[in-house]
């Protein structure tokens, strides 16, 4: 006798068992100081754990100082361990697991000046780095690749020491590993360029090395894009091959997202950015030039209307092509959505905006108090990655400023 899968079922991912299928997505919190988590970040993730998620994801933990996109983001070194332990212990106290999203910006460094050229799959002009003088990037060679692999492995080992339950290797959205996968960045003509099998080769090497180093103790996830959202970028057929190759390289689960930070944010969020709120926040904090660029970018975007489960058709194609666990990202905001995803064979339901709006949403789904998130997808919360108080939903009271001014262990 078969039973209908439920989003409240336990689920196993590698060595990890989650209490249900709901996961908080990695989404830049802006709750770090001097490359360390703040007390605000601890509260943010502890509230999510208390609110019922099975696992919460700490966004954008750079594997090296030069791997940051913005200056205050966490970057992995021994010095940060006491603060990370406070964070993981707070989440575990509420009965949830915690995942570290590990990444390297490559050429996508928008908030700090890098000595020399930024690294990427290919060299050339680097529009993402203009505001901070990172005008050019250089093509990585084998020595660079070995160095970056070592950086990921060392960061993974530190995460294990800090008490994380899972790692999410970020291979989407235009960061370094995605700069290999996407033809928008990768113009190489060697064994790391050309067809999709070659373009996935380096990210798969990173995954295999991390898996070998810590895979017995931590679940190893990879976040990939189901498509770049523009004609010259990856399409779902490329993402199917990417998923198959990462399965072969040892991934315990793939987190299916989409889009790129520069070329297609509208595709990533299933709706247009809130350029007005973004401009207001940036101007208020001395970033008028960036605000002007953000406004200019708005004029080039297609106008789209938000719809729930906007990556579902692409994600279903990937689901049919691989056997490993898959986590769905993209417009899930109701209990009905979560039930549909479970029926479609997705192992986890990953949400960001709906949980920023209400960290207790999962408990409210389970109790019957709510069936639908109150998030209206205005995308104003995205603007607050540039705010000193951290990301918050504008429908809620603002964050307590003092919590974001001191490291977690202070």
Protein backbone atom coordinates (compact mmCIF):
# COMPACT_ATOMS: atom_id res chain seq x y z
CA UNK A 1 0.00 0.00 0.00
CA UNK A 2 1.44 3.34 -1.08
CA UNK A 3 1.03 6.47 0.99
CA UNK A 4 0.69 10.01 -0.28
CA UNK A 5 3.88 11.95 0.40
CA UNK A 6 3.54 14.91 2.72
CA UNK A 7 5.72 18.01 3.09
CA UNK A 8 5.79 17.18 6.80
CA UNK A 9 7.44 13.78 6.27
CA UNK A 10 10.99 13.18 7.44
CA UNK A 11 13.54 13.10 4.61
CA UNK A 12 17.08 11.70 4.41
CA UNK A 13 19.85 13.56 2.58
CA UNK A 14 23.14 11.70 2.69
CA UNK A 15 24.03 11.25 6.38
CA UNK A 16 21.37 13.77 7.48
CA UNK A 17 17.71 13.21 8.37
CA UNK A 18 15.43 16.25 8.39
CA UNK A 19 12.27 16.53 10.48
CA UNK A 20 10.20 17.69 7.51
CA UNK A 21 10.74 18.86 3.92
CA UNK A 22 10.78 22.63 4.47
CA UNK A 23 14.12 24.42 4.04
CA UNK A 24 14.96 28.10 4.31
CA UNK A 25 16.84 29.14 1.17
CA UNK A 26 20.21 30.81 1.28
CA UNK A 27 19.42 34.50 0.72
CA UNK A 28 21.84 37.29 1.61
CA UNK A 29 20.93 38.41 5.12
CA UNK A 30 23.34 41.38 5.49
CA UNK A 31 23.84 40.32 9.10
CA UNK A 32 27.61 40.08 9.32
CA UNK A 33 30.36 42.32 10.64
CA UNK A 34 34.07 42.04 9.89
CA UNK A 35 33.36 38.81 8.04
CA UNK A 36 31.62 37.22 11.06
CA UNK A 37 27.98 36.47 11.87
CA UNK A 38 26.27 38.98 14.15
CA UNK A 39 23.77 38.46 16.92
CA UNK A 40 21.14 39.51 14.38
CA UNK A 41 22.07 36.56 12.17
CA UNK A 42 21.78 34.20 15.12
CA UNK A 43 18.30 35.53 15.93
CA UNK A 44 17.28 35.35 12.26
CA UNK A 45 18.12 31.67 11.91
CA UNK A 46 17.01 30.70 15.41
CA UNK A 47 13.60 32.25 14.70
CA UNK A 48 13.34 30.21 11.49
CA UNK A 49 14.26 27.02 13.35
CA UNK A 50 11.72 27.76 16.09
CA UNK A 51 9.18 28.47 13.36
CA UNK A 52 9.32 24.93 12.06
CA UNK A 53 11.75 24.67 9.16
CA UNK A 54 13.70 21.43 9.02
CA UNK A 55 16.85 23.20 7.91
CA UNK A 56 17.94 26.79 7.51
CA UNK A 57 20.70 27.91 5.14
CA UNK A 58 23.26 30.55 6.06
CA UNK A 59 23.78 32.54 2.88
CA UNK A 60 26.99 33.38 1.12
CA UNK A 61 29.86 32.14 3.23
CA UNK A 62 32.89 32.92 1.09
CA UNK A 63 35.67 30.34 1.05
CA UNK A 64 38.31 33.10 1.02
CA UNK A 65 38.47 36.86 1.59
CA UNK A 66 38.75 37.52 -2.16
CA UNK A 67 35.68 35.36 -2.71
CA UNK A 68 33.31 37.89 -1.16
CA UNK A 69 30.91 39.93 -3.27
CA UNK A 70 30.18 42.45 -0.49
CA UNK A 71 32.67 43.50 2.19
CA UNK A 72 30.92 42.33 5.37
CA UNK A 73 30.06 38.83 4.18
CA UNK A 74 31.28 35.87 6.19
CA UNK A 75 34.59 34.50 4.95
CA UNK A 76 35.97 31.29 6.29
CA UNK A 77 39.01 31.21 8.59
CA UNK A 78 39.77 29.94 12.11
CA UNK A 79 38.91 33.30 13.64
CA UNK A 80 35.22 32.96 12.74
CA UNK A 81 34.70 29.57 14.42
CA UNK A 82 33.48 30.85 17.83
CA UNK A 83 30.78 32.95 16.15
CA UNK A 84 29.71 30.13 13.84
CA UNK A 85 29.40 27.76 16.80
CA UNK A 86 27.03 30.19 18.53
CA UNK A 87 24.94 30.23 15.36
CA UNK A 88 24.78 26.45 14.86
CA UNK A 89 24.06 25.78 18.53
CA UNK A 90 21.16 28.26 18.50
CA UNK A 91 19.56 26.49 15.54
CA UNK A 92 20.13 23.02 16.99
CA UNK A 93 18.51 24.15 20.25
CA UNK A 94 15.28 24.58 18.30
CA UNK A 95 15.48 21.09 16.76
CA UNK A 96 16.47 22.11 13.22
CA UNK A 97 19.50 21.46 11.03
CA UNK A 98 21.69 24.20 9.59
CA UNK A 99 23.43 24.37 6.22
CA UNK A 100 26.37 26.57 5.18
CA UNK A 101 26.17 28.00 1.67
CA UNK A 102 29.79 28.02 0.50
CA UNK A 103 30.76 30.08 -2.49
CA UNK A 104 33.39 32.13 -4.27
CA UNK A 105 32.45 35.28 -6.17
CA UNK A 106 35.02 34.89 -8.92
CA UNK A 107 34.55 38.01 -11.02
CA UNK A 108 31.25 38.96 -9.37
CA UNK A 109 32.82 41.26 -6.77
CA UNK A 110 30.72 44.40 -6.52
CA UNK A 111 31.51 45.79 -3.07
CA UNK A 112 35.28 45.65 -2.52
CA UNK A 113 38.53 46.15 -4.40
CA UNK A 114 40.53 43.02 -5.16
CA UNK A 115 44.31 43.21 -5.58
CA UNK A 116 45.06 42.37 -9.19
CA UNK A 117 42.44 40.90 -11.49
CA UNK A 118 39.54 38.86 -10.20
CA UNK A 119 39.51 35.22 -11.28
CA UNK A 120 36.90 33.62 -13.53
CA UNK A 121 36.43 30.88 -16.09
CA UNK A 122 37.51 33.33 -18.80
CA UNK A 123 39.37 36.63 -18.84
CA UNK A 124 38.37 40.04 -20.12
CA UNK A 125 36.30 43.06 -19.22
CA UNK A 126 34.37 42.69 -15.95
CA UNK A 127 31.24 44.87 -15.78
CA UNK A 128 30.31 43.54 -12.32
CA UNK A 129 33.44 45.09 -10.83
CA UNK A 130 33.23 48.57 -12.29
CA UNK A 131 32.17 50.46 -9.17
CA UNK A 132 35.13 49.19 -7.13
CA UNK A 133 37.76 49.27 -9.87
CA UNK A 134 37.79 45.54 -10.62
CA UNK A 135 37.70 46.32 -14.33
CA UNK A 136 39.12 43.05 -15.63
CA UNK A 137 39.11 39.37 -14.74
CA UNK A 138 41.61 36.70 -15.73
CA UNK A 139 41.15 33.13 -16.91
CA UNK A 140 41.91 30.55 -14.24
CA UNK A 141 44.71 28.08 -14.86
CA UNK A 142 45.29 24.71 -13.21
CA UNK A 143 47.17 26.25 -10.28
CA UNK A 144 44.24 28.59 -9.67
CA UNK A 145 41.84 25.65 -9.80
CA UNK A 146 43.85 23.66 -7.29
CA UNK A 147 43.96 26.69 -4.99
CA UNK A 148 40.19 27.22 -5.18
CA UNK A 149 39.50 23.52 -4.62
CA UNK A 150 41.72 23.71 -1.53
CA UNK A 151 39.83 26.81 -0.34
CA UNK A 152 36.50 24.99 -0.63
CA UNK A 153 37.84 21.93 1.18
CA UNK A 154 39.30 23.99 4.02
CA UNK A 155 36.05 25.95 4.36
CA UNK A 156 34.09 22.69 4.44
CA UNK A 157 36.31 21.33 7.20
CA UNK A 158 35.81 24.51 9.22
CA UNK A 159 32.04 24.17 8.76
CA UNK A 160 32.19 20.65 10.13
CA UNK A 161 34.17 21.91 13.12
CA UNK A 162 31.61 24.70 13.63
CA UNK A 163 28.74 22.21 13.87
CA UNK A 164 26.98 22.57 10.52
CA UNK A 165 24.89 19.63 9.32
CA UNK A 166 25.10 20.33 5.59
CA UNK A 167 26.99 22.33 2.99
CA UNK A 168 25.47 23.96 -0.08
CA UNK A 169 28.02 24.60 -2.83
CA UNK A 170 26.68 27.58 -4.77
CA UNK A 171 26.88 26.81 -8.49
CA UNK A 172 24.23 29.25 -9.65
CA UNK A 173 23.37 32.93 -10.03
CA UNK A 174 26.64 34.02 -11.66
CA UNK A 175 29.18 33.23 -8.92
CA UNK A 176 32.49 31.53 -9.72
CA UNK A 177 31.36 27.93 -10.15
CA UNK A 178 28.45 29.13 -12.27
CA UNK A 179 30.90 31.22 -14.31
CA UNK A 180 32.23 27.87 -15.56
CA UNK A 181 28.81 26.32 -16.13
CA UNK A 182 27.24 29.26 -17.98
CA UNK A 183 28.24 30.18 -21.54
CA UNK A 184 27.51 33.79 -20.58
CA UNK A 185 30.85 33.70 -18.76
CA UNK A 186 32.71 30.66 -20.04
CA UNK A 187 34.45 31.33 -23.37
CA UNK A 188 37.24 28.78 -22.93
CA UNK A 189 38.33 26.42 -25.70
CA UNK A 190 40.08 23.81 -23.54
CA UNK A 191 38.71 20.85 -21.56
CA UNK A 192 36.82 23.30 -19.29
CA UNK A 193 34.96 25.11 -22.07
CA UNK A 194 32.72 24.40 -25.02
CA UNK A 195 30.02 21.80 -24.40
CA UNK A 196 28.16 21.50 -21.12
CA UNK A 197 30.08 18.38 -20.06
CA UNK A 198 33.32 20.38 -20.19
CA UNK A 199 31.83 23.43 -18.50
CA UNK A 200 30.70 21.36 -15.50
CA UNK A 201 34.11 19.70 -15.14
CA UNK A 202 35.62 22.18 -12.65
CA UNK A 203 32.52 22.54 -10.42
CA UNK A 204 32.32 18.74 -10.33
CA UNK A 205 35.95 18.59 -9.21
CA UNK A 206 35.17 20.98 -6.36
CA UNK A 207 32.18 18.87 -5.33
CA UNK A 208 34.15 15.61 -5.44
CA UNK A 209 36.95 17.07 -3.29
CA UNK A 210 34.52 18.44 -0.69
CA UNK A 211 32.59 15.17 -0.67
CA UNK A 212 35.76 13.21 -0.06
CA UNK A 213 36.84 15.56 2.74
CA UNK A 214 33.64 15.81 4.80
CA UNK A 215 30.93 13.78 3.05
CA UNK A 216 30.79 11.09 5.74
CA UNK A 217 29.72 13.70 8.29
CA UNK A 218 27.82 16.40 6.38
CA UNK A 219 25.20 16.34 3.63
CA UNK A 220 26.71 17.89 0.49
CA UNK A 221 24.26 19.94 -1.60
CA UNK A 222 24.78 21.88 -4.82
CA UNK A 223 22.67 24.88 -5.82
CA UNK A 224 22.29 25.07 -9.59
CA UNK A 225 20.24 27.09 -12.05
CA UNK A 226 17.53 25.31 -14.02
CA UNK A 227 18.28 27.93 -16.71
CA UNK A 228 19.94 31.33 -16.96
CA UNK A 229 16.75 32.91 -18.26
CA UNK A 230 18.30 34.52 -21.35
CA UNK A 231 18.80 33.13 -24.83
CA UNK A 232 22.60 33.01 -24.79
CA UNK A 233 22.76 31.33 -21.38
CA UNK A 234 22.15 27.83 -20.15
CA UNK A 235 18.86 26.18 -20.98
CA UNK A 236 17.11 23.37 -19.15
CA UNK A 237 18.77 20.76 -21.40
CA UNK A 238 22.15 21.97 -20.11
CA UNK A 239 20.91 21.85 -16.53
CA UNK A 240 19.79 18.24 -16.98
CA UNK A 241 23.34 17.28 -17.97
CA UNK A 242 24.72 19.40 -15.11
CA UNK A 243 22.48 17.54 -12.65
CA UNK A 244 23.54 14.15 -14.00
CA UNK A 245 27.24 14.99 -13.76
CA UNK A 246 26.89 16.34 -10.22
CA UNK A 247 25.00 13.21 -9.24
CA UNK A 248 27.94 11.18 -10.56
CA UNK A 249 30.37 13.40 -8.61
CA UNK A 250 28.64 12.60 -5.33
CA UNK A 251 26.05 15.29 -4.56
CA UNK A 252 23.58 14.28 -1.85
CA UNK A 253 20.96 16.75 -3.11
CA UNK A 254 20.61 19.46 -5.74
CA UNK A 255 18.86 22.74 -4.95
CA UNK A 256 17.14 23.93 -8.14
CA UNK A 257 17.08 27.70 -8.59
CA UNK A 258 17.57 29.86 -11.68
CA UNK A 259 18.75 33.09 -13.22
CA UNK A 260 21.84 35.27 -12.90
CA UNK A 261 22.53 38.28 -10.68
CA UNK A 262 23.31 40.66 -13.52
CA UNK A 263 21.62 39.32 -16.63
CA UNK A 264 18.30 38.02 -15.29
CA UNK A 265 17.29 38.87 -11.73
CA UNK A 266 13.67 39.01 -12.92
CA UNK A 267 13.97 35.34 -13.90
CA UNK A 268 15.56 34.43 -10.56
CA UNK A 269 12.75 36.00 -8.53
CA UNK A 270 9.89 35.30 -10.94
CA UNK A 271 9.07 39.01 -10.91
CA UNK A 272 10.71 42.37 -11.41
CA UNK A 273 13.02 43.81 -8.79
CA UNK A 274 11.65 46.56 -6.58
CA UNK A 275 13.91 49.22 -8.09
CA UNK A 276 12.22 52.03 -6.16
CA UNK A 277 12.94 50.45 -2.77
CA UNK A 278 16.43 49.48 -3.91
CA UNK A 279 17.15 53.07 -4.94
CA UNK A 280 15.81 54.45 -1.66
CA UNK A 281 17.99 52.15 0.46
CA UNK A 282 21.12 52.70 -1.62
CA UNK A 283 20.80 56.50 -1.69
CA UNK A 284 20.17 56.62 2.05
CA UNK A 285 23.44 54.83 2.66
CA UNK A 286 25.72 56.73 0.35
CA UNK A 287 25.57 54.55 -2.76
CA UNK A 288 24.03 56.98 -5.22
CA UNK A 289 26.01 55.72 -8.22
CA UNK A 290 24.92 52.15 -7.60
CA UNK A 291 21.35 53.37 -7.22
CA UNK A 292 21.58 55.03 -10.65
CA UNK A 293 22.89 51.83 -12.22
CA UNK A 294 20.11 49.80 -10.60
CA UNK A 295 17.50 52.18 -11.99
CA UNK A 296 19.09 52.03 -15.45
CA UNK A 297 19.00 48.23 -15.41
CA UNK A 298 15.26 48.31 -14.77
CA UNK A 299 14.59 49.80 -18.18
CA UNK A 300 16.12 46.75 -19.90
CA UNK A 301 14.12 44.10 -18.05
CA UNK A 302 11.06 42.40 -19.50
CA UNK A 303 7.97 43.15 -17.44
CA UNK A 304 6.65 39.97 -15.88
CA UNK A 305 3.92 39.04 -13.42
CA UNK A 306 4.71 36.79 -10.47
CA UNK A 307 3.20 33.33 -10.54
CA UNK A 308 3.61 30.58 -7.99
CA UNK A 309 6.01 27.69 -8.73
CA UNK A 310 7.56 29.57 -11.64
CA UNK A 311 10.44 27.06 -12.10
CA UNK A 312 8.21 23.99 -11.90
CA UNK A 313 8.24 22.86 -15.54
CA UNK A 314 12.02 23.10 -15.85
CA UNK A 315 12.47 21.41 -12.47
CA UNK A 316 10.17 18.55 -13.45
CA UNK A 317 12.39 17.83 -16.45
CA UNK A 318 15.42 17.58 -14.18
CA UNK A 319 13.44 15.41 -11.73
CA UNK A 320 12.76 12.94 -14.54
CA UNK A 321 16.44 12.74 -15.49
CA UNK A 322 18.19 12.03 -12.16
CA UNK A 323 17.75 9.75 -9.13
CA UNK A 324 19.24 11.81 -6.31
CA UNK A 325 17.18 14.03 -3.97
CA UNK A 326 16.10 17.39 -5.37
CA UNK A 327 15.01 20.56 -3.59
CA UNK A 328 12.65 22.94 -5.37
CA UNK A 329 13.15 26.73 -5.22
CA UNK A 330 10.95 29.32 -6.92
CA UNK A 331 7.60 30.74 -5.87
CA UNK A 332 6.39 28.19 -3.31
CA UNK A 333 4.27 30.13 -0.82
CA UNK A 334 1.32 27.94 0.15
CA UNK A 335 0.60 24.59 1.75
CA UNK A 336 -0.97 23.51 -1.54
CA UNK A 337 2.29 24.37 -3.36
CA UNK A 338 4.29 22.27 -0.90
CA UNK A 339 1.91 19.33 -1.24
CA UNK A 340 2.14 19.55 -5.04
CA UNK A 341 5.93 19.52 -4.92
CA UNK A 342 5.94 16.46 -2.66
CA UNK A 343 3.62 14.67 -5.10
CA UNK A 344 5.91 15.64 -7.97
CA UNK A 345 8.81 13.89 -6.30
CA UNK A 346 10.73 16.85 -4.89
CA UNK A 347 12.37 15.96 -1.62
CA UNK A 348 12.50 19.46 -0.13
CA UNK A 349 10.52 22.69 -0.47
CA UNK A 350 12.87 25.67 -0.29
CA UNK A 351 11.55 29.15 0.44
CA UNK A 352 13.10 32.56 1.12
CA UNK A 353 10.74 35.54 0.80
CA UNK A 354 7.78 33.74 2.39
CA UNK A 355 9.91 32.88 5.42
CA UNK A 356 11.43 36.35 5.67
CA UNK A 357 7.84 37.59 5.87
CA UNK A 358 6.90 35.00 8.52
CA UNK A 359 9.61 32.80 10.11
CA UNK A 360 6.86 30.72 11.79
CA UNK A 361 5.10 29.90 8.51
CA UNK A 362 5.88 26.16 8.61
CA UNK A 363 4.40 25.74 12.09
CA UNK A 364 1.34 27.69 10.97
CA UNK A 365 0.94 25.42 7.93
CA UNK A 366 1.19 22.37 10.17
CA UNK A 367 -1.29 23.64 12.77
CA UNK A 368 -3.78 24.77 10.14
CA UNK A 369 -3.55 28.40 11.20
CA UNK A 370 -2.47 29.36 7.68
CA UNK A 371 -2.62 27.80 4.24
CA UNK A 372 -1.05 30.68 2.31
CA UNK A 373 1.87 33.02 2.98
CA UNK A 374 1.08 36.69 3.40
CA UNK A 375 4.13 37.63 1.31
CA UNK A 376 3.03 39.67 -1.70
CA UNK A 377 6.35 39.27 -3.60
CA UNK A 378 7.00 42.99 -3.64
CA UNK A 379 10.74 42.16 -3.50
CA UNK A 380 11.46 45.10 -1.20
CA UNK A 381 13.28 42.71 1.17
CA UNK A 382 15.98 42.21 -1.47
CA UNK A 383 16.98 45.88 -1.20
CA UNK A 384 17.92 45.39 2.45
CA UNK A 385 21.04 43.39 1.64
CA UNK A 386 22.48 46.92 1.43
CA UNK A 387 21.03 48.11 4.75
CA UNK A 388 23.08 48.19 7.98
CA UNK A 389 20.23 46.60 9.95
CA UNK A 390 19.96 43.57 7.67
CA UNK A 391 17.27 42.03 5.52
CA UNK A 392 13.67 42.29 6.68
CA UNK A 393 10.12 42.26 5.33
CA UNK A 394 8.79 45.81 5.01
CA UNK A 395 5.36 44.60 6.17
CA UNK A 396 6.91 43.76 9.55
CA UNK A 397 8.54 45.91 12.26
CA UNK A 398 12.16 46.71 11.39
CA UNK A 399 15.10 44.77 12.80
CA UNK A 400 16.72 45.78 16.09
CA UNK A 401 19.80 47.75 14.94
CA UNK A 402 21.99 46.92 17.94
CA UNK A 403 21.92 43.19 17.15
CA UNK A 404 23.67 43.81 13.84
CA UNK A 405 26.54 45.81 15.32
CA UNK A 406 28.33 43.06 17.23
CA UNK A 407 29.64 39.59 16.38
CA UNK A 408 27.67 36.56 17.58
CA UNK A 409 30.10 35.43 20.27
CA UNK A 410 30.58 38.86 21.89
